């Protein structure tokens, strides 16, 4: 009984010491997970994004997909309470694409449940981000179509008369400018004054050759 208690105590001590992120010899895409230890990698992803998960292990392991709340529960319980979105149990090879349903932070957790031996694990996790395809707007709803039709007809009713009036006004103005005569230029010429050389009276009738007062010949 004493030896059994010592063995159980030793295993609990190993679990506590292994703890969160207790991973040794991390290189490229290969990790060594000690007994009763686990490793996680988190990603901030949106709905319809994809997590491509590839895991290959030397011996049986468990693989989980968790959200942030579930991972916090795992940390607080020191690995004793497991809540997860998806689990693959006792496997040595996994190749799976997980499609995100709700925006948030998601974690891929690899857990070595063995009490004695470590696990050499090759893994690769890729995020494929989803982009909405561009589609031209097509009003499927009848109310949208009715609104666009009304907008079209109101545009014709408002802008067509304005355009016609503008064209008529421009044509009328140009035509009026062409028909309007120019005002005549009046030049004033002063008529010279002629007087009788004898009596000095002013000659009014320029058609006469003799002075009407004294009868002398008028010099023009």
Protein backbone atom coordinates (compact mmCIF):
# COMPACT_ATOMS: atom_id res chain seq x y z
CA UNK A 1 0.00 0.00 0.00
CA UNK A 2 2.83 2.35 0.86
CA UNK A 3 4.54 1.76 -2.51
CA UNK A 4 1.25 2.39 -4.31
CA UNK A 5 0.80 5.74 -2.56
CA UNK A 6 4.37 6.68 -3.50
CA UNK A 7 3.71 5.78 -7.15
CA UNK A 8 0.49 7.82 -7.26
CA UNK A 9 2.21 10.77 -5.61
CA UNK A 10 5.02 10.61 -8.11
CA UNK A 11 2.57 10.64 -11.04
CA UNK A 12 0.70 13.64 -9.61
CA UNK A 13 4.00 15.44 -9.11
CA UNK A 14 4.93 14.80 -12.75
CA UNK A 15 1.60 16.19 -13.89
CA UNK A 16 1.97 19.36 -11.81
CA UNK A 17 5.54 19.86 -12.96
CA UNK A 18 4.65 19.28 -16.62
CA UNK A 19 1.86 21.91 -16.50
CA UNK A 20 0.89 24.33 -19.21
CA UNK A 21 3.21 24.70 -22.22
CA UNK A 22 5.66 22.30 -20.67
CA UNK A 23 7.23 21.34 -23.98
CA UNK A 24 10.86 20.54 -24.67
CA UNK A 25 12.95 20.45 -27.84
CA UNK A 26 10.68 22.48 -30.07
CA UNK A 27 12.11 22.56 -33.60
CA UNK A 28 10.35 23.62 -36.78
CA UNK A 29 7.23 21.46 -36.79
CA UNK A 30 8.32 18.80 -34.32
CA UNK A 31 7.81 18.84 -30.54
CA UNK A 32 8.40 16.46 -27.65
CA UNK A 33 5.54 16.39 -25.16
CA UNK A 34 6.44 14.99 -21.71
CA UNK A 35 4.13 12.56 -19.86
CA UNK A 36 0.74 13.96 -18.79
CA UNK A 37 1.52 17.23 -20.57
CA UNK A 38 -0.08 19.18 -23.32
CA UNK A 39 0.77 21.77 -25.93
CA UNK A 40 -1.53 24.35 -27.55
CA UNK A 41 -1.39 26.89 -30.33
CA UNK A 42 -4.00 29.65 -30.69
CA UNK A 43 -5.41 31.54 -33.66
CA UNK A 44 -7.67 34.59 -33.90
CA UNK A 45 -10.07 33.62 -36.69
CA UNK A 46 -13.44 34.61 -38.13
CA UNK A 47 -16.49 32.65 -39.20
CA UNK A 48 -15.90 30.48 -42.30
CA UNK A 49 -12.11 30.55 -41.83
CA UNK A 50 -10.49 27.10 -41.84
CA UNK A 51 -7.96 25.42 -39.55
CA UNK A 52 -6.02 22.80 -41.46
CA UNK A 53 -4.65 20.41 -38.81
CA UNK A 54 -1.94 17.86 -39.48
CA UNK A 55 -0.58 15.79 -36.59
CA UNK A 56 1.65 12.71 -36.65
CA UNK A 57 2.75 11.15 -33.32
CA UNK A 58 5.11 8.35 -32.33
CA UNK A 59 2.44 6.93 -29.97
CA UNK A 60 -1.21 7.57 -29.14
CA UNK A 61 -2.19 11.13 -28.23
CA UNK A 62 -5.37 13.23 -28.02
CA UNK A 63 -5.99 16.31 -30.17
CA UNK A 64 -8.58 18.96 -29.30
CA UNK A 65 -10.05 22.12 -30.78
CA UNK A 66 -11.05 24.58 -28.03
CA UNK A 67 -12.22 28.15 -27.78
CA UNK A 68 -10.64 30.64 -25.39
CA UNK A 69 -13.10 29.96 -22.55
CA UNK A 70 -12.52 26.22 -22.72
CA UNK A 71 -8.77 26.67 -22.69
CA UNK A 72 -9.05 28.95 -19.64
CA UNK A 73 -11.04 26.21 -17.91
CA UNK A 74 -8.32 23.71 -18.77
CA UNK A 75 -5.62 25.99 -17.33
CA UNK A 76 -7.57 26.72 -14.13
CA UNK A 77 -8.20 23.02 -13.50
CA UNK A 78 -4.56 21.99 -14.24
CA UNK A 79 -5.76 19.71 -17.01
CA UNK A 80 -8.29 17.77 -14.92
CA UNK A 81 -11.41 19.26 -16.55
CA UNK A 82 -11.78 18.97 -20.30
CA UNK A 83 -14.27 21.04 -22.27
CA UNK A 84 -13.78 21.20 -26.00
CA UNK A 85 -15.42 21.78 -29.38
CA UNK A 86 -13.93 18.72 -31.06
CA UNK A 87 -11.72 15.81 -29.95
CA UNK A 88 -9.69 13.08 -31.63
CA UNK A 89 -8.86 10.41 -29.08
CA UNK A 90 -5.96 7.91 -28.98
CA UNK A 91 -4.67 8.60 -32.46
CA UNK A 92 -1.23 8.68 -34.05
CA UNK A 93 -2.14 10.42 -37.31
CA UNK A 94 -4.60 13.20 -38.06
CA UNK A 95 -5.28 15.28 -41.14
CA UNK A 96 -8.43 17.36 -40.81
CA UNK A 97 -9.87 20.73 -41.85
CA UNK A 98 -12.00 22.43 -39.21
CA UNK A 99 -14.32 25.23 -40.40
CA UNK A 100 -14.86 28.03 -37.86
CA UNK A 101 -18.51 28.65 -36.99
CA UNK A 102 -18.20 31.68 -34.66
CA UNK A 103 -15.60 34.48 -34.60
CA UNK A 104 -13.04 34.26 -31.81
CA UNK A 105 -9.75 32.79 -30.59
CA UNK A 106 -9.41 29.05 -31.16
CA UNK A 107 -6.73 26.70 -29.88
CA UNK A 108 -5.46 23.37 -31.16
CA UNK A 109 -4.38 21.32 -28.12
CA UNK A 110 -2.18 18.22 -28.33
CA UNK A 111 -2.27 16.14 -25.13
CA UNK A 112 0.01 13.30 -24.09
CA UNK A 113 -2.01 11.36 -21.51
CA UNK A 114 0.67 8.73 -20.95
CA UNK A 115 1.95 8.67 -17.36
CA UNK A 116 5.49 7.49 -18.17
CA UNK A 117 6.60 8.16 -21.72
CA UNK A 118 7.00 11.29 -23.81
CA UNK A 119 5.60 11.68 -27.32
CA UNK A 120 7.44 12.96 -30.38
CA UNK A 121 4.87 14.84 -32.45
CA UNK A 122 5.11 16.37 -35.91
CA UNK A 123 2.40 18.97 -36.47
CA UNK A 124 1.38 21.69 -38.89
CA UNK A 125 -1.57 24.03 -38.44
CA UNK A 126 -2.54 26.37 -41.26
CA UNK A 127 -5.21 29.06 -41.26
CA UNK A 128 -7.11 29.55 -44.49
CA UNK A 129 -8.85 32.91 -44.30
CA UNK A 130 -12.23 33.17 -45.97
CA UNK A 131 -13.03 36.14 -48.21
CA UNK A 132 -16.53 36.92 -49.38
CA UNK A 133 -16.70 36.78 -53.20
CA UNK A 134 -17.70 40.03 -54.86
CA UNK A 135 -21.11 39.91 -56.48
CA UNK A 136 -22.81 42.83 -58.26
CA UNK A 137 -25.92 44.08 -56.53
CA UNK A 138 -29.12 42.60 -57.92
CA UNK A 139 -32.30 43.65 -56.14
CA UNK A 140 -34.17 40.43 -55.52
CA UNK A 141 -36.71 41.96 -53.20
CA UNK A 142 -39.80 43.36 -54.91
CA UNK A 143 -39.71 46.50 -52.77
CA UNK A 144 -36.16 47.25 -53.96
CA UNK A 145 -37.19 46.82 -57.58
CA UNK A 146 -40.24 49.02 -57.10
CA UNK A 147 -38.08 51.71 -55.50
CA UNK A 148 -35.58 51.66 -58.38
CA UNK A 149 -38.38 51.84 -60.94
CA UNK A 150 -39.94 54.83 -59.19
CA UNK A 151 -36.54 56.51 -58.96
CA UNK A 152 -36.02 56.02 -62.71
CA UNK A 153 -39.40 57.45 -63.70
CA UNK A 154 -39.14 60.40 -61.31
CA UNK A 155 -35.74 61.18 -62.79
CA UNK A 156 -37.27 61.27 -66.26
CA UNK A 157 -40.15 63.46 -65.10
CA UNK A 158 -37.85 65.97 -63.40
CA UNK A 159 -34.74 66.13 -65.55
CA UNK A 160 -36.13 65.68 -69.09
CA UNK A 161 -38.32 68.86 -68.99
CA UNK A 162 -35.44 70.80 -67.45
CA UNK A 163 -33.18 69.65 -70.28
CA UNK A 164 -35.73 70.55 -72.97
CA UNK A 165 -36.33 74.03 -71.50
CA UNK A 166 -32.57 74.64 -71.29
CA UNK A 167 -32.06 73.67 -74.95
CA UNK A 168 -34.97 75.86 -76.16
CA UNK A 169 -33.68 78.81 -74.13
CA UNK A 170 -30.19 78.51 -75.61
CA UNK A 171 -31.53 78.27 -79.17
CA UNK A 172 -33.86 81.25 -78.65
CA UNK A 173 -31.09 83.41 -77.24
CA UNK A 174 -28.75 82.63 -80.13
CA UNK A 175 -31.52 83.26 -82.69
CA UNK A 176 -32.49 86.55 -81.07
CA UNK A 177 -28.91 87.73 -81.13
CA UNK A 178 -28.67 87.05 -84.88
CA UNK A 179 -31.89 88.97 -85.74
CA UNK A 180 -31.33 92.04 -83.58
CA UNK A 181 -30.09 94.85 -85.95
CA UNK A 182 -27.26 97.05 -84.99
CA UNK A 183 -28.11 100.65 -84.13
CA UNK A 184 -27.13 103.08 -87.00
CA UNK A 185 -24.22 105.39 -86.44
CA UNK A 186 -25.27 109.05 -86.90
CA UNK A 187 -22.57 111.49 -87.99
CA UNK A 188 -23.36 115.18 -87.59
CA UNK A 189 -21.95 117.56 -90.25
CA UNK A 190 -22.04 121.27 -89.62
CA UNK A 191 -23.36 123.31 -92.55
CA UNK A 192 -21.18 126.43 -93.28
CA UNK A 193 -22.80 129.87 -92.81
CA UNK A 194 -22.78 132.36 -95.77
CA UNK A 195 -23.30 136.14 -95.53
CA UNK A 196 -23.88 138.84 -98.21
CA UNK A 197 -20.58 140.58 -99.01
CA UNK A 198 -22.36 143.95 -99.41
CA UNK A 199 -24.97 144.23 -96.70
CA UNK A 200 -23.75 141.40 -94.42
CA UNK A 201 -27.13 139.68 -94.04
CA UNK A 202 -27.13 135.92 -93.47
CA UNK A 203 -28.09 133.99 -96.56
CA UNK A 204 -30.76 131.46 -95.64
CA UNK A 205 -31.75 130.10 -99.06
CA UNK A 206 -28.55 128.66 -100.47
CA UNK A 207 -30.15 127.99 -103.84
CA UNK A 208 -30.27 131.66 -104.77
CA UNK A 209 -27.35 133.44 -106.44
CA UNK A 210 -28.27 137.00 -105.37
CA UNK A 211 -28.93 138.58 -102.02
CA UNK A 212 -32.64 139.09 -101.34
CA UNK A 213 -31.83 142.29 -99.37
CA UNK A 214 -29.52 144.28 -101.61
CA UNK A 215 -29.41 142.25 -104.84
CA UNK A 216 -25.63 141.76 -104.75
CA UNK A 217 -24.16 138.53 -106.14
CA UNK A 218 -23.50 135.95 -103.52
CA UNK A 219 -20.14 134.30 -103.40
CA UNK A 220 -20.43 130.60 -102.36
